Structure formats: C-alpha cells, structure tokens
PDB file of N, CA and C in Angstrom:
ATOM      1  N   UNK A   1     143.206 -55.879 160.751  1.00  0.00           N
ATOM      2  CA  UNK A   1     142.078 -55.116 160.248  1.00  0.00           C
ATOM      3  C   UNK A   1     141.524 -55.759 158.993  1.00  0.00           C
ATOM      4  N   UNK A   2     140.320 -55.376 158.589  1.00  0.00           N
ATOM      5  CA  UNK A   2     139.681 -55.958 157.417  1.00  0.00           C
ATOM      6  C   UNK A   2     140.488 -55.710 156.157  1.00  0.00           C
ATOM      7  N   UNK A   3     141.012 -54.461 155.981  1.00  0.00           N
ATOM      8  CA  UNK A   3     141.736 -54.141 154.764  1.00  0.00           C
ATOM      9  C   UNK A   3     143.026 -54.932 154.657  1.00  0.00           C
ATOM     10  N   UNK A   4     143.653 -55.263 155.784  1.00  0.00           N
ATOM     11  CA  UNK A   4     144.871 -56.073 155.761  1.00  0.00           C
ATOM     12  C   UNK A   4     144.527 -57.471 155.261  1.00  0.00           C
ATOM     13  N   UNK A   5     143.351 -57.979 155.643  1.00  0.00           N
ATOM     14  CA  UNK A   5     142.934 -59.309 155.214  1.00  0.00           C
ATOM     15  C   UNK A   5     142.633 -59.317 153.719  1.00  0.00           C
ATOM     16  N   UNK A   6     142.154 -58.187 153.178  1.00  0.00           N
ATOM     17  CA  UNK A   6     141.834 -58.105 151.762  1.00  0.00           C
ATOM     18  C   UNK A   6     143.078 -58.276 150.897  1.00  0.00           C
ATOM     19  N   UNK A   7     144.182 -57.653 151.282  1.00  0.00           N
ATOM     20  CA  UNK A   7     145.419 -57.726 150.510  1.00  0.00           C
ATOM     21  C   UNK A   7     146.579 -57.901 151.473  1.00  0.00           C
ATOM     22  N   UNK A   8     146.958 -59.150 151.768  1.00  0.00           N
ATOM     23  CA  UNK A   8     148.001 -59.393 152.765  1.00  0.00           C
ATOM     24  C   UNK A   8     149.377 -58.872 152.351  1.00  0.00           C
ATOM     25  N   UNK A   9     149.572 -58.494 151.092  1.00  0.00           N
ATOM     26  CA  UNK A   9     150.861 -57.989 150.636  1.00  0.00           C
ATOM     27  C   UNK A   9     151.120 -56.537 151.007  1.00  0.00           C
ATOM     28  N   UNK A  10     150.102 -55.801 151.458  1.00  0.00           N
ATOM     29  CA  UNK A  10     150.263 -54.386 151.802  1.00  0.00           C
ATOM     30  C   UNK A  10     150.586 -54.233 153.282  1.00  0.00           C
ATOM     31  N   UNK A  11     151.509 -53.330 153.588  1.00  0.00           N
ATOM     32  CA  UNK A  11     151.772 -53.045 155.000  1.00  0.00           C
ATOM     33  C   UNK A  11     150.729 -52.062 155.520  1.00  0.00           C
ATOM     34  N   UNK A  12     150.733 -51.798 156.809  1.00  0.00           N
ATOM     35  CA  UNK A  12     149.709 -50.948 157.418  1.00  0.00           C
ATOM     36  C   UNK A  12     149.705 -49.531 156.844  1.00  0.00           C
ATOM     37  N   UNK A  13     150.888 -48.963 156.589  1.00  0.00           N
ATOM     38  CA  UNK A  13     150.964 -47.597 156.056  1.00  0.00           C
ATOM     39  C   UNK A  13     150.354 -47.538 154.661  1.00  0.00           C
ATOM     40  N   UNK A  14     150.681 -48.520 153.829  1.00  0.00           N
ATOM     41  CA  UNK A  14     150.126 -48.537 152.476  1.00  0.00           C
ATOM     42  C   UNK A  14     148.609 -48.695 152.511  1.00  0.00           C
ATOM     43  N   UNK A  15     148.118 -49.523 153.407  1.00  0.00           N
ATOM     44  CA  UNK A  15     146.671 -49.707 153.538  1.00  0.00           C
ATOM     45  C   UNK A  15     146.017 -48.408 153.977  1.00  0.00           C
ATOM     46  N   UNK A  16     146.627 -47.724 154.956  1.00  0.00           N
ATOM     47  CA  UNK A  16     146.082 -46.450 155.440  1.00  0.00           C
ATOM     48  C   UNK A  16     146.035 -45.425 154.317  1.00  0.00           C
ATOM     49  N   UNK A  17     147.104 -45.330 153.536  1.00  0.00           N
ATOM     50  CA  UNK A  17     147.133 -44.383 152.414  1.00  0.00           C
ATOM     51  C   UNK A  17     146.045 -44.717 151.397  1.00  0.00           C
ATOM     52  N   UNK A  18     145.911 -45.986 151.087  1.00  0.00           N
ATOM     53  CA  UNK A  18     144.896 -46.394 150.111  1.00  0.00           C
ATOM     54  C   UNK A  18     143.501 -46.082 150.632  1.00  0.00           C
ATOM     55  N   UNK A  19     143.268 -46.385 151.891  1.00  0.00           N
ATOM     56  CA  UNK A  19     141.947 -46.154 152.472  1.00  0.00           C
ATOM     57  C   UNK A  19     141.606 -44.668 152.538  1.00  0.00           C
ATOM     58  N   UNK A  20     142.593 -43.821 152.779  1.00  0.00           N
ATOM     59  CA  UNK A  20     142.341 -42.385 152.877  1.00  0.00           C
ATOM     60  C   UNK A  20     142.516 -41.682 151.537  1.00  0.00           C
ATOM     61  N   UNK A  21     142.919 -42.388 150.514  1.00  0.00           N
ATOM     62  CA  UNK A  21     143.140 -41.827 149.169  1.00  0.00           C
ATOM     63  C   UNK A  21     144.123 -40.666 149.206  1.00  0.00           C
ATOM     64  N   UNK A  22     145.256 -40.847 149.888  1.00  0.00           N
ATOM     65  CA  UNK A  22     146.285 -39.806 149.977  1.00  0.00           C
ATOM     66  C   UNK A  22     147.026 -39.731 148.645  1.00  0.00           C
ATOM     67  N   UNK A  23     147.116 -38.508 148.111  1.00  0.00           N
ATOM     68  CA  UNK A  23     147.784 -38.291 146.830  1.00  0.00           C
ATOM     69  C   UNK A  23     148.790 -37.156 146.978  1.00  0.00           C
ATOM     70  N   UNK A  24     149.747 -37.127 146.085  1.00  0.00           N
ATOM     71  CA  UNK A  24     150.758 -36.063 146.065  1.00  0.00           C
ATOM     72  C   UNK A  24     150.102 -34.755 145.612  1.00  0.00           C
ATOM     73  N   UNK A  25     150.501 -33.622 146.250  1.00  0.00           N
ATOM     74  CA  UNK A  25     149.954 -32.319 145.866  1.00  0.00           C
ATOM     75  C   UNK A  25     150.468 -31.926 144.482  1.00  0.00           C
ATOM     76  N   UNK A  26     149.648 -31.223 143.737  1.00  0.00           N
ATOM     77  CA  UNK A  26     150.110 -30.755 142.441  1.00  0.00           C
ATOM     78  C   UNK A  26     151.048 -29.558 142.632  1.00  0.00           C
ATOM     79  N   UNK A  27     151.811 -29.253 141.607  1.00  0.00           N
ATOM     80  CA  UNK A  27     152.864 -28.232 141.681  1.00  0.00           C
ATOM     81  C   UNK A  27     152.327 -26.846 142.032  1.00  0.00           C
ATOM     82  N   UNK A  28     151.178 -26.458 141.491  1.00  0.00           N
ATOM     83  CA  UNK A  28     150.604 -25.132 141.752  1.00  0.00           C
ATOM     84  C   UNK A  28     150.278 -24.983 143.237  1.00  0.00           C
ATOM     85  N   UNK A  29     149.687 -25.996 143.824  1.00  0.00           N
ATOM     86  CA  UNK A  29     149.347 -25.948 145.246  1.00  0.00           C
ATOM     87  C   UNK A  29     150.605 -25.921 146.109  1.00  0.00           C
ATOM     88  N   UNK A  30     151.615 -26.705 145.749  1.00  0.00           N
ATOM     89  CA  UNK A  30     152.869 -26.684 146.510  1.00  0.00           C
ATOM     90  C   UNK A  30     153.513 -25.309 146.468  1.00  0.00           C
ATOM     91  N   UNK A  31     153.465 -24.622 145.318  1.00  0.00           N
ATOM     92  CA  UNK A  31     154.034 -23.271 145.199  1.00  0.00           C
ATOM     93  C   UNK A  31     153.289 -22.288 146.096  1.00  0.00           C
ATOM     94  N   UNK A  32     151.948 -22.404 146.154  1.00  0.00           N
ATOM     95  CA  UNK A  32     151.162 -21.516 147.018  1.00  0.00           C
ATOM     96  C   UNK A  32     151.522 -21.716 148.476  1.00  0.00           C
ATOM     97  N   UNK A  33     151.673 -22.960 148.892  1.00  0.00           N
ATOM     98  CA  UNK A  33     152.011 -23.250 150.288  1.00  0.00           C
ATOM     99  C   UNK A  33     153.399 -22.725 150.625  1.00  0.00           C
ATOM    100  N   UNK A  34     154.337 -22.881 149.716  1.00  0.00           N
ATOM    101  CA  UNK A  34     155.696 -22.387 149.954  1.00  0.00           C
ATOM    102  C   UNK A  34     155.770 -20.871 149.909  1.00  0.00           C
ATOM    103  N   UNK A  35     154.726 -20.211 149.429  1.00  0.00           N
ATOM    104  CA  UNK A  35     154.728 -18.756 149.339  1.00  0.00           C
ATOM    105  C   UNK A  35     155.608 -18.248 148.220  1.00  0.00           C
ATOM    106  N   UNK A  36     155.802 -19.027 147.190  1.00  0.00           N
ATOM    107  CA  UNK A  36     156.619 -18.598 146.066  1.00  0.00           C
ATOM    108  C   UNK A  36     158.111 -18.793 146.276  1.00  0.00           C
ATOM    109  N   UNK A  37     158.516 -19.379 147.395  1.00  0.00           N
ATOM    110  CA  UNK A  37     159.937 -19.615 147.674  1.00  0.00           C
ATOM    111  C   UNK A  37     160.415 -20.808 146.859  1.00  0.00           C
ATOM    112  N   UNK A  38     161.474 -20.601 146.076  1.00  0.00           N
ATOM    113  CA  UNK A  38     162.014 -21.679 145.256  1.00  0.00           C
ATOM    114  C   UNK A  38     163.291 -22.272 145.845  1.00  0.00           C
ATOM    115  N   UNK A  39     164.021 -21.488 146.623  1.00  0.00           N
ATOM    116  CA  UNK A  39     165.298 -21.949 147.163  1.00  0.00           C
ATOM    117  C   UNK A  39     165.395 -21.586 148.638  1.00  0.00           C
ATOM    118  N   UNK A  40     166.037 -22.432 149.413  1.00  0.00           N
ATOM    119  CA  UNK A  40     166.341 -22.158 150.823  1.00  0.00           C
ATOM    120  C   UNK A  40     167.848 -22.140 150.979  1.00  0.00           C
ATOM    121  N   UNK A  41     168.328 -21.210 151.792  1.00  0.00           N
ATOM    122  CA  UNK A  41     169.765 -21.071 151.973  1.00  0.00           C
ATOM    123  C   UNK A  41     170.042 -20.651 153.414  1.00  0.00           C
ATOM    124  N   UNK A  42     171.161 -21.096 153.965  1.00  0.00           N
ATOM    125  CA  UNK A  42     171.589 -20.656 155.295  1.00  0.00           C
ATOM    126  C   UNK A  42     172.942 -19.971 155.156  1.00  0.00           C
ATOM    127  N   UNK A  43     173.076 -18.827 155.809  1.00  0.00           N
ATOM    128  CA  UNK A  43     174.333 -18.092 155.843  1.00  0.00           C
ATOM    129  C   UNK A  43     174.745 -17.993 157.297  1.00  0.00           C
ATOM    130  N   UNK A  44     175.934 -18.480 157.609  1.00  0.00           N
ATOM    131  CA  UNK A  44     176.443 -18.423 158.979  1.00  0.00           C
ATOM    132  C   UNK A  44     177.608 -17.449 159.003  1.00  0.00           C
ATOM    133  N   UNK A  45     177.479 -16.412 159.823  1.00  0.00           N
ATOM    134  CA  UNK A  45     178.518 -15.390 159.958  1.00  0.00           C
ATOM    135  C   UNK A  45     179.273 -15.695 161.243  1.00  0.00           C
ATOM    136  N   UNK A  46     180.548 -16.026 161.105  1.00  0.00           N
ATOM    137  CA  UNK A  46     181.353 -16.442 162.255  1.00  0.00           C
ATOM    138  C   UNK A  46     182.733 -15.805 162.138  1.00  0.00           C
ATOM    139  N   UNK A  47     183.293 -15.400 163.271  1.00  0.00           N
ATOM    140  CA  UNK A  47     184.621 -14.822 163.229  1.00  0.00           C
ATOM    141  C   UNK A  47     185.030 -14.234 164.563  1.00  0.00           C
ATOM    142  N   UNK A  48     186.159 -13.577 164.561  1.00  0.00           N
ATOM    143  CA  UNK A  48     186.721 -12.976 165.771  1.00  0.00           C
ATOM    144  C   UNK A  48     185.841 -11.831 166.257  1.00  0.00           C
ATOM    145  N   UNK A  49     185.919 -11.512 167.561  1.00  0.00           N
ATOM    146  CA  UNK A  49     185.140 -10.394 168.103  1.00  0.00           C
ATOM    147  C   UNK A  49     185.515  -9.061 167.436  1.00  0.00           C
ATOM    148  N   UNK A  50     184.539  -8.154 167.387  1.00  0.00           N
ATOM    149  CA  UNK A  50     184.734  -6.789 166.903  1.00  0.00           C
ATOM    150  C   UNK A  50     185.181  -6.726 165.443  1.00  0.00           C
ATOM    151  N   UNK A  51     184.621  -7.620 164.605  1.00  0.00           N
ATOM    152  CA  UNK A  51     184.981  -7.612 163.174  1.00  0.00           C
ATOM    153  C   UNK A  51     183.812  -7.259 162.268  1.00  0.00           C
ATOM    154  N   UNK A  52     182.616  -6.988 162.846  1.00  0.00           N
ATOM    155  CA  UNK A  52     181.487  -6.543 162.040  1.00  0.00           C
ATOM    156  C   UNK A  52     180.474  -7.613 161.678  1.00  0.00           C
ATOM    157  N   UNK A  53     180.511  -8.752 162.363  1.00  0.00           N
ATOM    158  CA  UNK A  53     179.552  -9.818 162.070  1.00  0.00           C
ATOM    159  C   UNK A  53     178.114  -9.362 162.282  1.00  0.00           C
ATOM    160  N   UNK A  54     177.848  -8.728 163.409  1.00  0.00           N
ATOM    161  CA  UNK A  54     176.480  -8.265 163.702  1.00  0.00           C
ATOM    162  C   UNK A  54     176.057  -7.135 162.776  1.00  0.00           C
ATOM    163  N   UNK A  55     177.005  -6.285 162.373  1.00  0.00           N
ATOM    164  CA  UNK A  55     176.693  -5.211 161.421  1.00  0.00           C
ATOM    165  C   UNK A  55     176.282  -5.812 160.074  1.00  0.00           C
ATOM    166  N   UNK A  56     177.007  -6.832 159.638  1.00  0.00           N
ATOM    167  CA  UNK A  56     176.652  -7.513 158.394  1.00  0.00           C
ATOM    168  C   UNK A  56     175.302  -8.202 158.532  1.00  0.00           C
ATOM    169  N   UNK A  57     175.052  -8.834 159.670  1.00  0.00           N
ATOM    170  CA  UNK A  57     173.781  -9.501 159.949  1.00  0.00           C
ATOM    171  C   UNK A  57     172.628  -8.498 159.807  1.00  0.00           C
ATOM    172  N   UNK A  58     172.802  -7.299 160.363  1.00  0.00           N
ATOM    173  CA  UNK A  58     171.771  -6.260 160.257  1.00  0.00           C
ATOM    174  C   UNK A  58     171.589  -5.794 158.815  1.00  0.00           C
ATOM    175  N   UNK A  59     172.667  -5.551 158.110  1.00  0.00           N
ATOM    176  CA  UNK A  59     172.589  -5.059 156.731  1.00  0.00           C
ATOM    177  C   UNK A  59     171.924  -6.069 155.802  1.00  0.00           C
ATOM    178  N   UNK A  60     172.170  -7.369 156.023  1.00  0.00           N
ATOM    179  CA  UNK A  60     171.539  -8.396 155.189  1.00  0.00           C
ATOM    180  C   UNK A  60     170.023  -8.394 155.352  1.00  0.00           C
ATOM    181  N   UNK A  61     169.555  -7.879 156.473  1.00  0.00           N
ATOM    182  CA  UNK A  61     168.121  -7.773 156.717  1.00  0.00           C
ATOM    183  C   UNK A  61     167.549  -6.452 156.206  1.00  0.00           C
ATOM    184  N   UNK A  62     168.432  -5.574 155.735  1.00  0.00           N
ATOM    185  CA  UNK A  62     167.976  -4.270 155.265  1.00  0.00           C
ATOM    186  C   UNK A  62     167.872  -3.258 156.393  1.00  0.00           C
ATOM    187  N   UNK A  63     168.419  -3.588 157.559  1.00  0.00           N
ATOM    188  CA  UNK A  63     168.389  -2.673 158.706  1.00  0.00           C
ATOM    189  C   UNK A  63     169.527  -1.664 158.587  1.00  0.00           C
ATOM    190  N   UNK A  64     169.398  -0.505 159.221  1.00  0.00           N
ATOM    191  CA  UNK A  64     170.465   0.509 159.128  1.00  0.00           C
ATOM    192  C   UNK A  64     171.722   0.084 159.896  1.00  0.00           C
ATOM    193  N   UNK A  65     172.838   0.655 159.483  1.00  0.00           N
ATOM    194  CA  UNK A  65     174.118   0.405 160.149  1.00  0.00           C
ATOM    195  C   UNK A  65     174.095   1.018 161.552  1.00  0.00           C
ATOM    196  N   UNK A  66     174.562   0.276 162.528  1.00  0.00           N
ATOM    197  CA  UNK A  66     174.629   0.760 163.913  1.00  0.00           C
ATOM    198  C   UNK A  66     176.057   1.221 164.211  1.00  0.00           C
ATOM    199  N   UNK A  67     176.221   2.487 164.530  1.00  0.00           N
ATOM    200  CA  UNK A  67     177.549   3.037 164.826  1.00  0.00           C
ATOM    201  C   UNK A  67     178.122   2.488 166.132  1.00  0.00           C
ATOM    202  N   UNK A  68     177.272   2.362 167.145  1.00  0.00           N
ATOM    203  CA  UNK A  68     177.747   1.924 168.472  1.00  0.00           C
ATOM    204  C   UNK A  68     178.055   0.431 168.462  1.00  0.00           C
ATOM    205  N   UNK A  69     179.186   0.073 169.096  1.00  0.00           N
ATOM    206  CA  UNK A  69     179.577  -1.333 169.178  1.00  0.00           C
ATOM    207  C   UNK A  69     179.011  -1.965 170.437  1.00  0.00           C
ATOM    208  N   UNK A  70     178.314  -3.075 170.267  1.00  0.00           N
ATOM    209  CA  UNK A  70     177.827  -3.862 171.389  1.00  0.00           C
ATOM    210  C   UNK A  70     178.219  -5.306 171.144  1.00  0.00           C
ATOM    211  N   UNK A  71     178.854  -5.929 172.120  1.00  0.00           N
ATOM    212  CA  UNK A  71     179.227  -7.326 171.993  1.00  0.00           C
ATOM    213  C   UNK A  71     177.970  -8.192 171.991  1.00  0.00           C
ATOM    214  N   UNK A  72     177.883  -9.101 171.041  1.00  0.00           N
ATOM    215  CA  UNK A  72     176.743 -10.029 170.993  1.00  0.00           C
ATOM    216  C   UNK A  72     176.930 -11.095 172.064  1.00  0.00           C
ATOM    217  N   UNK A  73     175.888 -11.298 172.872  1.00  0.00           N
ATOM    218  CA  UNK A  73     175.995 -12.274 173.954  1.00  0.00           C
ATOM    219  C   UNK A  73     175.423 -13.632 173.574  1.00  0.00           C
ATOM    220  N   UNK A  74     174.686 -13.679 172.473  1.00  0.00           N
ATOM    221  CA  UNK A  74     174.087 -14.946 172.054  1.00  0.00           C
ATOM    222  C   UNK A  74     173.917 -14.977 170.545  1.00  0.00           C
ATOM    223  N   UNK A  75     173.610 -16.162 170.027  1.00  0.00           N
ATOM    224  CA  UNK A  75     173.379 -16.326 168.591  1.00  0.00           C
ATOM    225  C   UNK A  75     172.150 -15.515 168.185  1.00  0.00           C
ATOM    226  N   UNK A  76     172.251 -14.853 167.043  1.00  0.00           N
ATOM    227  CA  UNK A  76     171.120 -14.114 166.482  1.00  0.00           C
ATOM    228  C   UNK A  76     170.745 -14.767 165.156  1.00  0.00           C
ATOM    229  N   UNK A  77     169.464 -14.988 164.940  1.00  0.00           N
ATOM    230  CA  UNK A  77     168.996 -15.635 163.718  1.00  0.00           C
ATOM    231  C   UNK A  77     167.889 -14.790 163.097  1.00  0.00           C
ATOM    232  N   UNK A  78     167.955 -14.621 161.786  1.00  0.00           N
ATOM    233  CA  UNK A  78     166.916 -13.883 161.071  1.00  0.00           C
ATOM    234  C   UNK A  78     166.587 -14.617 159.775  1.00  0.00           C
ATOM    235  N   UNK A  79     165.360 -14.472 159.332  1.00  0.00           N
ATOM    236  CA  UNK A  79     164.948 -15.024 158.044  1.00  0.00           C
ATOM    237  C   UNK A  79     164.688 -13.864 157.098  1.00  0.00           C
ATOM    238  N   UNK A  80     165.323 -13.938 155.939  1.00  0.00           N
ATOM    239  CA  UNK A  80     165.211 -12.877 154.940  1.00  0.00           C
ATOM    240  C   UNK A  80     164.741 -13.507 153.636  1.00  0.00           C
ATOM    241  N   UNK A  81     163.737 -12.922 153.011  1.00  0.00           N
ATOM    242  CA  UNK A  81     163.289 -13.379 151.696  1.00  0.00           C
ATOM    243  C   UNK A  81     163.886 -12.455 150.644  1.00  0.00           C
ATOM    244  N   UNK A  82     164.689 -13.010 149.771  1.00  0.00           N
ATOM    245  CA  UNK A  82     165.329 -12.240 148.718  1.00  0.00           C
ATOM    246  C   UNK A  82     164.745 -12.613 147.371  1.00  0.00           C
ATOM    247  N   UNK A  83     164.646 -11.635 146.509  1.00  0.00           N
ATOM    248  CA  UNK A  83     164.300 -11.905 145.115  1.00  0.00           C
ATOM    249  C   UNK A  83     164.998 -10.858 144.256  1.00  0.00           C
ATOM    250  N   UNK A  84     165.433 -11.281 143.095  1.00  0.00           N
ATOM    251  CA  UNK A  84     166.104 -10.363 142.180  1.00  0.00           C
ATOM    252  C   UNK A  84     165.070  -9.677 141.303  1.00  0.00           C
ATOM    253  N   UNK A  85     165.321  -8.423 140.980  1.00  0.00           N
ATOM    254  CA  UNK A  85     164.404  -7.672 140.115  1.00  0.00           C
ATOM    255  C   UNK A  85     164.273  -8.392 138.777  1.00  0.00           C
ATOM    256  N   UNK A  86     163.055  -8.564 138.335  1.00  0.00           N
ATOM    257  CA  UNK A  86     162.807  -9.219 137.057  1.00  0.00           C
ATOM    258  C   UNK A  86     162.839 -10.734 137.117  1.00  0.00           C
ATOM    259  N   UNK A  87     163.080 -11.301 138.286  1.00  0.00           N
ATOM    260  CA  UNK A  87     163.122 -12.761 138.445  1.00  0.00           C
ATOM    261  C   UNK A  87     161.914 -13.225 139.240  1.00  0.00           C
ATOM    262  N   UNK A  88     161.360 -14.356 138.865  1.00  0.00           N
ATOM    263  CA  UNK A  88     160.216 -14.877 139.606  1.00  0.00           C
ATOM    264  C   UNK A  88     160.641 -15.765 140.767  1.00  0.00           C
ATOM    265  N   UNK A  89     161.902 -16.195 140.775  1.00  0.00           N
ATOM    266  CA  UNK A  89     162.370 -17.082 141.830  1.00  0.00           C
ATOM    267  C   UNK A  89     162.733 -16.293 143.084  1.00  0.00           C
ATOM    268  N   UNK A  90     162.248 -16.772 144.220  1.00  0.00           N
ATOM    269  CA  UNK A  90     162.561 -16.145 145.504  1.00  0.00           C
ATOM    270  C   UNK A  90     163.450 -17.081 146.306  1.00  0.00           C
ATOM    271  N   UNK A  91     164.285 -16.504 147.156  1.00  0.00           N
ATOM    272  CA  UNK A  91     165.200 -17.278 147.996  1.00  0.00           C
ATOM    273  C   UNK A  91     164.907 -16.942 149.446  1.00  0.00           C
ATOM    274  N   UNK A  92     164.680 -17.962 150.253  1.00  0.00           N
ATOM    275  CA  UNK A  92     164.511 -17.782 151.692  1.00  0.00           C
ATOM    276  C   UNK A  92     165.881 -18.031 152.313  1.00  0.00           C
ATOM    277  N   UNK A  93     166.416 -17.014 152.994  1.00  0.00           N
ATOM    278  CA  UNK A  93     167.755 -17.093 153.566  1.00  0.00           C
ATOM    279  C   UNK A  93     167.660 -16.999 155.087  1.00  0.00           C
ATOM    280  N   UNK A  94     168.224 -17.975 155.776  1.00  0.00           N
ATOM    281  CA  UNK A  94     168.380 -17.892 157.228  1.00  0.00           C
ATOM    282  C   UNK A  94     169.777 -17.366 157.472  1.00  0.00           C
ATOM    283  N   UNK A  95     169.883 -16.247 158.175  1.00  0.00           N
ATOM    284  CA  UNK A  95     171.178 -15.641 158.473  1.00  0.00           C
ATOM    285  C   UNK A  95     171.453 -15.808 159.961  1.00  0.00           C
ATOM    286  N   UNK A  96     172.577 -16.435 160.269  1.00  0.00           N
ATOM    287  CA  UNK A  96     172.965 -16.704 161.657  1.00  0.00           C
ATOM    288  C   UNK A  96     174.197 -15.884 161.999  1.00  0.00           C
ATOM    289  N   UNK A  97     174.129 -15.130 163.078  1.00  0.00           N
ATOM    290  CA  UNK A  97     175.265 -14.396 163.639  1.00  0.00           C
ATOM    291  C   UNK A  97     175.718 -15.217 164.845  1.00  0.00           C
ATOM    292  N   UNK A  98     176.844 -15.919 164.690  1.00  0.00           N
ATOM    293  CA  UNK A  98     177.306 -16.883 165.705  1.00  0.00           C
ATOM    294  C   UNK A  98     178.329 -16.239 166.629  1.00  0.00           C
ATOM    295  N   UNK A  99     178.147 -16.452 167.916  1.00  0.00           N
ATOM    296  CA  UNK A  99     179.081 -15.948 168.924  1.00  0.00           C
ATOM    297  C   UNK A  99     180.172 -16.996 169.135  1.00  0.00           C
ATOM    298  N   UNK A 100     181.430 -16.582 169.007  1.00  0.00           N
ATOM    299  CA  UNK A 100     182.552 -17.495 169.273  1.00  0.00           C
ATOM    300  C   UNK A 100     183.012 -17.390 170.701  1.00  0.00           C
TER     301      UNK A 100
END
C-alpha cells in the first residue's frame, strides 16, 4: 500500500492505526462504558449434594430462601453487581453453582 511505502519501518497494524487516528479512550469514557464497575470477581460454589450450594447461590442474588429441595441438574450462573454503602466502587460478581 502507499502508506507502507511512505514508512517501510511500520507494520500493517501500525499503519492502519496511524491512518485511522486510533487513540486510547480517556478514563471518564472508560468508566461510563464499564457502567461504574471497578472490579470483576468470580465465585464458584462447589461441593457435595444437598449441602446448600443452590440456596447460597440464590441468597447472593438477593432472592428468597427456597424451603423445598431440588437437585440441580446443570450449572447455574448469575451476575450480581455489588456496592458497599458510602463507597463509589462497584464490584461485578459472577456466581457459579457447579454440579458435581
């Protein structure tokens, strides 16, 4: 391409970036895109059958406790956004209920 001939020391990706004027996003814009999430975390709940893994999975989501026992037949995944009162930092938590 013409731009490669202009500066033979640049690879194709660098030339493309220069030609399109790609720049890093500023911090304010990155925060808006992330939705205010500062930390990501994964919690995996694993253990023997009938020990309360699914009950804990529900409670971490703020759902009510289920009295009836049902065996989980597959992995359950939920995303929970947590924030502490008076704190501006939010945590995005993926909670996995794993079937053994």
